[in-house]
Amino acid sequence: MKKLFAGILISGALVSLYGCQATQTKTAAAAPELNNDDLYEVVHEGRYYVFDDFDVYQEFLTVGETSYRKVFIGGGPHGETLVHGLRGKDKKKLSGIAGVEMFKGTLQAADDFYGEIRAEDGRLYVFDSLEDMKAMRQVGEAPYRYTVIGAGPQQQTVVYVLNSSNKKKKPTALMAKFKAHNKI
């Protein structure tokens, strides 16, 4: 009887430990991936494209299309068709897509945010603030900027967008981020 009772106690303890471990694993796995550290936008052929993944963005720049997308007719900043280029793992999601949420303003950017807008005029606008990116998107021009002609990957003009707090400083950190992202 003592052996049976000891066996039951040990089995109960093992089940308790397994249950706690399974709960911890599920909790850790349920933590959402924010993917809010970068955002890329392209104005192309009357459409406004948004990407939250650098590889999908690069694929679009190479091919001119994305494998997976979410399209909103008239959803762009000036009424153009808005196309969100998606990663394969985001294609079936109805919500919780970082690019969509940041564009709508319902997800804040990470502290080390990096963004690019490729305008139809061939210029490449570079940001370290989502707020500056939103303002540029609405107005179409950056009031404070540091421009380098021919510094882009295809020798396009690169405009480093500044704001009132950093307008008098050369954006060396942002320039380094741009070069690292674009492997220049």
C-alpha atoms as a PDB file:
ATOM      1  CA  MET A   1       0.000   0.000   0.000  1.00  0.00           C
ATOM      2  CA  LYS A   2       2.861   2.347   0.827  1.00  0.00           C
ATOM      3  CA  LYS A   3       4.428   1.649  -2.586  1.00  0.00           C
ATOM      4  CA  LEU A   4       1.130   2.313  -4.339  1.00  0.00           C
ATOM      5  CA  PHE A   5       0.645   5.582  -2.435  1.00  0.00           C
ATOM      6  CA  ALA A   6       4.262   6.648  -3.223  1.00  0.00           C
ATOM      7  CA  GLY A   7       3.723   5.799  -6.886  1.00  0.00           C
ATOM      8  CA  ILE A   8       0.564   7.893  -7.001  1.00  0.00           C
ATOM      9  CA  LEU A   9       2.367  10.840  -5.365  1.00  0.00           C
ATOM     10  CA  ILE A  10       5.270  10.629  -7.834  1.00  0.00           C
ATOM     11  CA  SER A  11       2.887  10.330 -10.791  1.00  0.00           C
ATOM     12  CA  GLY A  12       0.915  13.330  -9.539  1.00  0.00           C
ATOM     13  CA  ALA A  13       4.091  15.372  -9.136  1.00  0.00           C
ATOM     14  CA  LEU A  14       5.247  14.484 -12.644  1.00  0.00           C
ATOM     15  CA  VAL A  15       1.863  15.427 -14.120  1.00  0.00           C
ATOM     16  CA  SER A  16       1.993  18.740 -12.222  1.00  0.00           C
ATOM     17  CA  LEU A  17       5.474  19.484 -13.535  1.00  0.00           C
ATOM     18  CA  TYR A  18       4.487  18.576 -17.071  1.00  0.00           C
ATOM     19  CA  GLY A  19       1.365  20.743 -16.827  1.00  0.00           C
ATOM     20  CA  CYS A  20       3.392  23.748 -15.650  1.00  0.00           C
ATOM     21  CA  GLN A  21       5.959  23.210 -18.373  1.00  0.00           C
ATOM     22  CA  ALA A  22       3.271  22.933 -21.047  1.00  0.00           C
ATOM     23  CA  THR A  23       1.631  26.143 -19.788  1.00  0.00           C
ATOM     24  CA  GLN A  24       4.933  28.019 -19.899  1.00  0.00           C
ATOM     25  CA  THR A  25       5.684  26.773 -23.397  1.00  0.00           C
ATOM     26  CA  LYS A  26       2.253  27.810 -24.661  1.00  0.00           C
ATOM     27  CA  THR A  27       2.586  31.246 -23.062  1.00  0.00           C
ATOM     28  CA  ALA A  28       6.017  31.788 -24.603  1.00  0.00           C
ATOM     29  CA  ALA A  29       4.802  30.604 -27.997  1.00  0.00           C
ATOM     30  CA  ALA A  30       1.748  32.877 -27.815  1.00  0.00           C
ATOM     31  CA  ALA A  31       3.880  36.030 -27.507  1.00  0.00           C
ATOM     32  CA  PRO A  32       3.261  37.928 -30.748  1.00  0.00           C
ATOM     33  CA  GLU A  33       6.072  38.969 -33.052  1.00  0.00           C
ATOM     34  CA  LEU A  34       5.772  42.734 -33.440  1.00  0.00           C
ATOM     35  CA  ASN A  35       7.930  43.237 -36.555  1.00  0.00           C
ATOM     36  CA  ASN A  36       7.615  46.997 -36.011  1.00  0.00           C
ATOM     37  CA  ASP A  37      11.236  48.011 -36.488  1.00  0.00           C
ATOM     38  CA  ASP A  38      11.048  48.881 -40.194  1.00  0.00           C
ATOM     39  CA  LEU A  39       8.590  49.989 -42.865  1.00  0.00           C
ATOM     40  CA  TYR A  40       9.057  50.472 -46.604  1.00  0.00           C
ATOM     41  CA  GLU A  41       6.716  52.310 -48.949  1.00  0.00           C
ATOM     42  CA  VAL A  42       6.775  52.636 -52.728  1.00  0.00           C
ATOM     43  CA  VAL A  43       4.679  54.866 -54.961  1.00  0.00           C
ATOM     44  CA  HIS A  44       4.454  52.989 -58.253  1.00  0.00           C
ATOM     45  CA  GLU A  45       2.095  53.198 -61.236  1.00  0.00           C
ATOM     46  CA  GLY A  46      -0.703  54.910 -59.305  1.00  0.00           C
ATOM     47  CA  ARG A  47      -0.574  52.470 -56.390  1.00  0.00           C
ATOM     48  CA  TYR A  48       0.852  52.874 -52.910  1.00  0.00           C
ATOM     49  CA  TYR A  49       2.774  49.793 -51.715  1.00  0.00           C
ATOM     50  CA  VAL A  50       3.674  49.141 -48.056  1.00  0.00           C
ATOM     51  CA  PHE A  51       6.055  46.461 -46.733  1.00  0.00           C
ATOM     52  CA  ASP A  52       7.094  45.539 -43.188  1.00  0.00           C
ATOM     53  CA  ASP A  53       9.712  43.050 -44.351  1.00  0.00           C
ATOM     54  CA  PHE A  54      12.931  44.017 -46.141  1.00  0.00           C
ATOM     55  CA  ASP A  55      13.108  40.802 -48.192  1.00  0.00           C
ATOM     56  CA  VAL A  56       9.552  41.200 -49.520  1.00  0.00           C
ATOM     57  CA  TYR A  57      10.365  44.851 -50.306  1.00  0.00           C
ATOM     58  CA  GLN A  58      13.509  43.843 -52.204  1.00  0.00           C
ATOM     59  CA  GLU A  59      11.558  41.170 -54.094  1.00  0.00           C
ATOM     60  CA  PHE A  60       9.057  43.837 -55.145  1.00  0.00           C
ATOM     61  CA  LEU A  61      11.849  46.152 -56.305  1.00  0.00           C
ATOM     62  CA  THR A  62      13.299  43.326 -58.408  1.00  0.00           C
ATOM     63  CA  VAL A  63      10.120  41.761 -59.815  1.00  0.00           C
ATOM     64  CA  GLY A  64       7.554  44.578 -59.564  1.00  0.00           C
ATOM     65  CA  GLU A  65       5.026  42.405 -57.718  1.00  0.00           C
ATOM     66  CA  THR A  66       4.680  40.547 -54.432  1.00  0.00           C
ATOM     67  CA  SER A  67       3.658  36.942 -53.928  1.00  0.00           C
ATOM     68  CA  TYR A  68       1.157  37.776 -51.196  1.00  0.00           C
ATOM     69  CA  ARG A  69      -0.729  41.022 -50.692  1.00  0.00           C
ATOM     70  CA  LYS A  70      -3.645  42.722 -49.030  1.00  0.00           C
ATOM     71  CA  VAL A  71      -5.283  45.325 -51.268  1.00  0.00           C
ATOM     72  CA  PHE A  72      -7.446  48.263 -50.196  1.00  0.00           C
ATOM     73  CA  ILE A  73      -9.024  50.198 -53.085  1.00  0.00           C
ATOM     74  CA  GLY A  74      -8.771  53.922 -52.310  1.00  0.00           C
ATOM     75  CA  GLY A  75      -6.874  53.243 -49.061  1.00  0.00           C
ATOM     76  CA  GLY A  76      -3.693  55.139 -49.994  1.00  0.00           C
ATOM     77  CA  PRO A  77      -2.737  58.527 -48.561  1.00  0.00           C
ATOM     78  CA  HIS A  78      -4.264  60.377 -51.525  1.00  0.00           C
ATOM     79  CA  GLY A  79      -6.983  57.902 -52.528  1.00  0.00           C
ATOM     80  CA  GLU A  80      -4.788  55.578 -54.550  1.00  0.00           C
ATOM     81  CA  THR A  81      -5.018  51.795 -54.258  1.00  0.00           C
ATOM     82  CA  LEU A  82      -3.113  50.649 -51.172  1.00  0.00           C
ATOM     83  CA  VAL A  83      -1.235  47.350 -51.474  1.00  0.00           C
ATOM     84  CA  HIS A  84       0.375  45.722 -48.437  1.00  0.00           C
ATOM     85  CA  GLY A  85       3.078  43.264 -49.491  1.00  0.00           C
ATOM     86  CA  LEU A  86       2.989  40.323 -47.079  1.00  0.00           C
ATOM     87  CA  ARG A  87       5.347  37.627 -45.886  1.00  0.00           C
ATOM     88  CA  GLY A  88       4.215  34.052 -46.465  1.00  0.00           C
ATOM     89  CA  LYS A  89       3.458  33.572 -42.770  1.00  0.00           C
ATOM     90  CA  ASP A  90       1.176  36.651 -42.754  1.00  0.00           C
ATOM     91  CA  LYS A  91      -0.889  35.793 -45.835  1.00  0.00           C
ATOM     92  CA  LYS A  92      -3.803  34.193 -43.951  1.00  0.00           C
ATOM     93  CA  LYS A  93      -3.950  36.732 -41.123  1.00  0.00           C
ATOM     94  CA  LEU A  94      -6.918  39.057 -40.895  1.00  0.00           C
ATOM     95  CA  SER A  95      -5.240  41.279 -38.303  1.00  0.00           C
ATOM     96  CA  GLY A  96      -1.956  41.660 -36.455  1.00  0.00           C
ATOM     97  CA  ILE A  97       0.137  42.457 -39.539  1.00  0.00           C
ATOM     98  CA  ALA A  98       2.747  45.034 -38.520  1.00  0.00           C
ATOM     99  CA  GLY A  99       2.829  46.924 -41.824  1.00  0.00           C
ATOM    100  CA  VAL A 100      -0.944  47.310 -41.888  1.00  0.00           C
ATOM    101  CA  GLU A 101      -1.122  48.312 -38.227  1.00  0.00           C
ATOM    102  CA  MET A 102       1.748  50.839 -38.425  1.00  0.00           C
ATOM    103  CA  PHE A 103       0.299  52.369 -41.594  1.00  0.00           C
ATOM    104  CA  LYS A 104      -3.099  52.773 -39.868  1.00  0.00           C
ATOM    105  CA  GLY A 105      -1.422  54.172 -36.756  1.00  0.00           C
ATOM    106  CA  THR A 106      -2.588  51.422 -34.394  1.00  0.00           C
ATOM    107  CA  LEU A 107       0.921  50.017 -33.775  1.00  0.00           C
ATOM    108  CA  GLN A 108       3.799  52.173 -32.603  1.00  0.00           C
ATOM    109  CA  ALA A 109       7.207  51.783 -34.161  1.00  0.00           C
ATOM    110  CA  ALA A 110      10.129  50.276 -32.281  1.00  0.00           C
ATOM    111  CA  ASP A 111      12.675  52.650 -30.751  1.00  0.00           C
ATOM    112  CA  ASP A 112      15.246  51.765 -33.415  1.00  0.00           C
ATOM    113  CA  PHE A 113      12.777  52.287 -36.303  1.00  0.00           C
ATOM    114  CA  TYR A 114      13.988  52.546 -39.915  1.00  0.00           C
ATOM    115  CA  GLY A 115      11.838  53.482 -42.898  1.00  0.00           C
ATOM    116  CA  GLU A 116      12.055  54.254 -46.609  1.00  0.00           C
ATOM    117  CA  ILE A 117       9.680  55.800 -49.116  1.00  0.00           C
ATOM    118  CA  ARG A 118      10.506  55.445 -52.820  1.00  0.00           C
ATOM    119  CA  ALA A 119       8.733  58.286 -54.550  1.00  0.00           C
ATOM    120  CA  GLU A 120       7.654  58.389 -58.179  1.00  0.00           C
ATOM    121  CA  ASP A 121      10.163  61.164 -58.838  1.00  0.00           C
ATOM    122  CA  GLY A 122      12.950  58.627 -58.229  1.00  0.00           C
ATOM    123  CA  ARG A 123      13.990  59.982 -54.853  1.00  0.00           C
ATOM    124  CA  LEU A 124      14.501  57.703 -51.895  1.00  0.00           C
ATOM    125  CA  TYR A 125      13.366  59.197 -48.566  1.00  0.00           C
ATOM    126  CA  VAL A 126      14.890  57.665 -45.415  1.00  0.00           C
ATOM    127  CA  PHE A 127      13.445  57.932 -41.884  1.00  0.00           C
ATOM    128  CA  ASP A 128      14.280  57.061 -38.299  1.00  0.00           C
ATOM    129  CA  SER A 129      10.836  58.116 -37.052  1.00  0.00           C
ATOM    130  CA  LEU A 130       7.441  56.713 -38.015  1.00  0.00           C
ATOM    131  CA  GLU A 131       5.876  60.091 -37.178  1.00  0.00           C
ATOM    132  CA  ASP A 132       8.130  61.836 -39.721  1.00  0.00           C
ATOM    133  CA  MET A 133       7.215  59.141 -42.246  1.00  0.00           C
ATOM    134  CA  LYS A 134       3.475  59.692 -41.681  1.00  0.00           C
ATOM    135  CA  ALA A 135       3.880  63.449 -42.120  1.00  0.00           C
ATOM    136  CA  MET A 136       5.859  62.977 -45.330  1.00  0.00           C
ATOM    137  CA  ARG A 137       3.258  60.526 -46.629  1.00  0.00           C
ATOM    138  CA  GLN A 138       0.463  63.058 -46.139  1.00  0.00           C
ATOM    139  CA  VAL A 139       2.237  66.201 -47.375  1.00  0.00           C
ATOM    140  CA  GLY A 140       4.460  64.655 -50.048  1.00  0.00           C
ATOM    141  CA  GLU A 141       7.518  66.643 -49.011  1.00  0.00           C
ATOM    142  CA  ALA A 142       9.862  66.828 -46.017  1.00  0.00           C
ATOM    143  CA  PRO A 143      10.316  70.283 -44.491  1.00  0.00           C
ATOM    144  CA  TYR A 144      13.659  69.313 -42.904  1.00  0.00           C
ATOM    145  CA  ARG A 145      16.053  67.114 -44.810  1.00  0.00           C
ATOM    146  CA  TYR A 146      19.610  66.273 -45.673  1.00  0.00           C
ATOM    147  CA  THR A 147      19.956  65.364 -49.343  1.00  0.00           C
ATOM    148  CA  VAL A 148      22.732  63.380 -51.013  1.00  0.00           C
ATOM    149  CA  ILE A 149      22.562  63.191 -54.805  1.00  0.00           C
ATOM    150  CA  GLY A 150      23.422  59.814 -56.343  1.00  0.00           C
ATOM    151  CA  ALA A 151      23.865  57.992 -53.020  1.00  0.00           C
ATOM    152  CA  GLY A 152      21.121  55.379 -53.533  1.00  0.00           C
ATOM    153  CA  PRO A 153      21.511  51.761 -54.658  1.00  0.00           C
ATOM    154  CA  GLN A 154      20.694  52.740 -58.264  1.00  0.00           C
ATOM    155  CA  GLN A 155      22.380  56.158 -57.905  1.00  0.00           C
ATOM    156  CA  GLN A 156      19.092  57.820 -56.992  1.00  0.00           C
ATOM    157  CA  THR A 157      18.970  60.892 -54.769  1.00  0.00           C
ATOM    158  CA  VAL A 158      18.659  59.981 -51.092  1.00  0.00           C
ATOM    159  CA  VAL A 159      16.776  62.362 -48.822  1.00  0.00           C
ATOM    160  CA  TYR A 160      17.351  61.807 -45.100  1.00  0.00           C
ATOM    161  CA  VAL A 161      14.228  63.194 -43.440  1.00  0.00           C
ATOM    162  CA  LEU A 162      14.824  65.232 -40.293  1.00  0.00           C
ATOM    163  CA  ASN A 163      12.549  67.053 -37.884  1.00  0.00           C
ATOM    164  CA  SER A 164      12.684  70.211 -35.780  1.00  0.00           C
ATOM    165  CA  SER A 165      14.685  68.467 -33.030  1.00  0.00           C
ATOM    166  CA  ASN A 166      17.529  67.250 -35.265  1.00  0.00           C
ATOM    167  CA  LYS A 167      17.420  69.609 -38.254  1.00  0.00           C
ATOM    168  CA  LYS A 168      20.826  71.167 -37.542  1.00  0.00           C
ATOM    169  CA  LYS A 169      22.757  67.894 -37.310  1.00  0.00           C
ATOM    170  CA  LYS A 170      24.133  65.735 -40.087  1.00  0.00           C
ATOM    171  CA  PRO A 171      22.210  62.426 -39.806  1.00  0.00           C
ATOM    172  CA  THR A 172      25.290  60.188 -39.627  1.00  0.00           C
ATOM    173  CA  ALA A 173      23.554  57.390 -37.682  1.00  0.00           C
ATOM    174  CA  LEU A 174      20.652  57.325 -40.160  1.00  0.00           C
ATOM    175  CA  MET A 175      23.097  57.390 -43.077  1.00  0.00           C
ATOM    176  CA  ALA A 176      24.894  54.370 -41.601  1.00  0.00           C
ATOM    177  CA  LYS A 177      21.574  52.512 -41.169  1.00  0.00           C
ATOM    178  CA  PHE A 178      20.678  53.247 -44.787  1.00  0.00           C
ATOM    179  CA  LYS A 179      24.017  51.955 -46.032  1.00  0.00           C
ATOM    180  CA  ALA A 180      23.733  48.816 -43.884  1.00  0.00           C
ATOM    181  CA  HIS A 181      20.154  48.076 -45.054  1.00  0.00           C
ATOM    182  CA  ASN A 182      21.019  48.562 -48.696  1.00  0.00           C
ATOM    183  CA  LYS A 183      24.488  46.971 -48.490  1.00  0.00           C
ATOM    184  CA  ILE A 184      26.254  50.020 -49.903  1.00  0.00           C
END
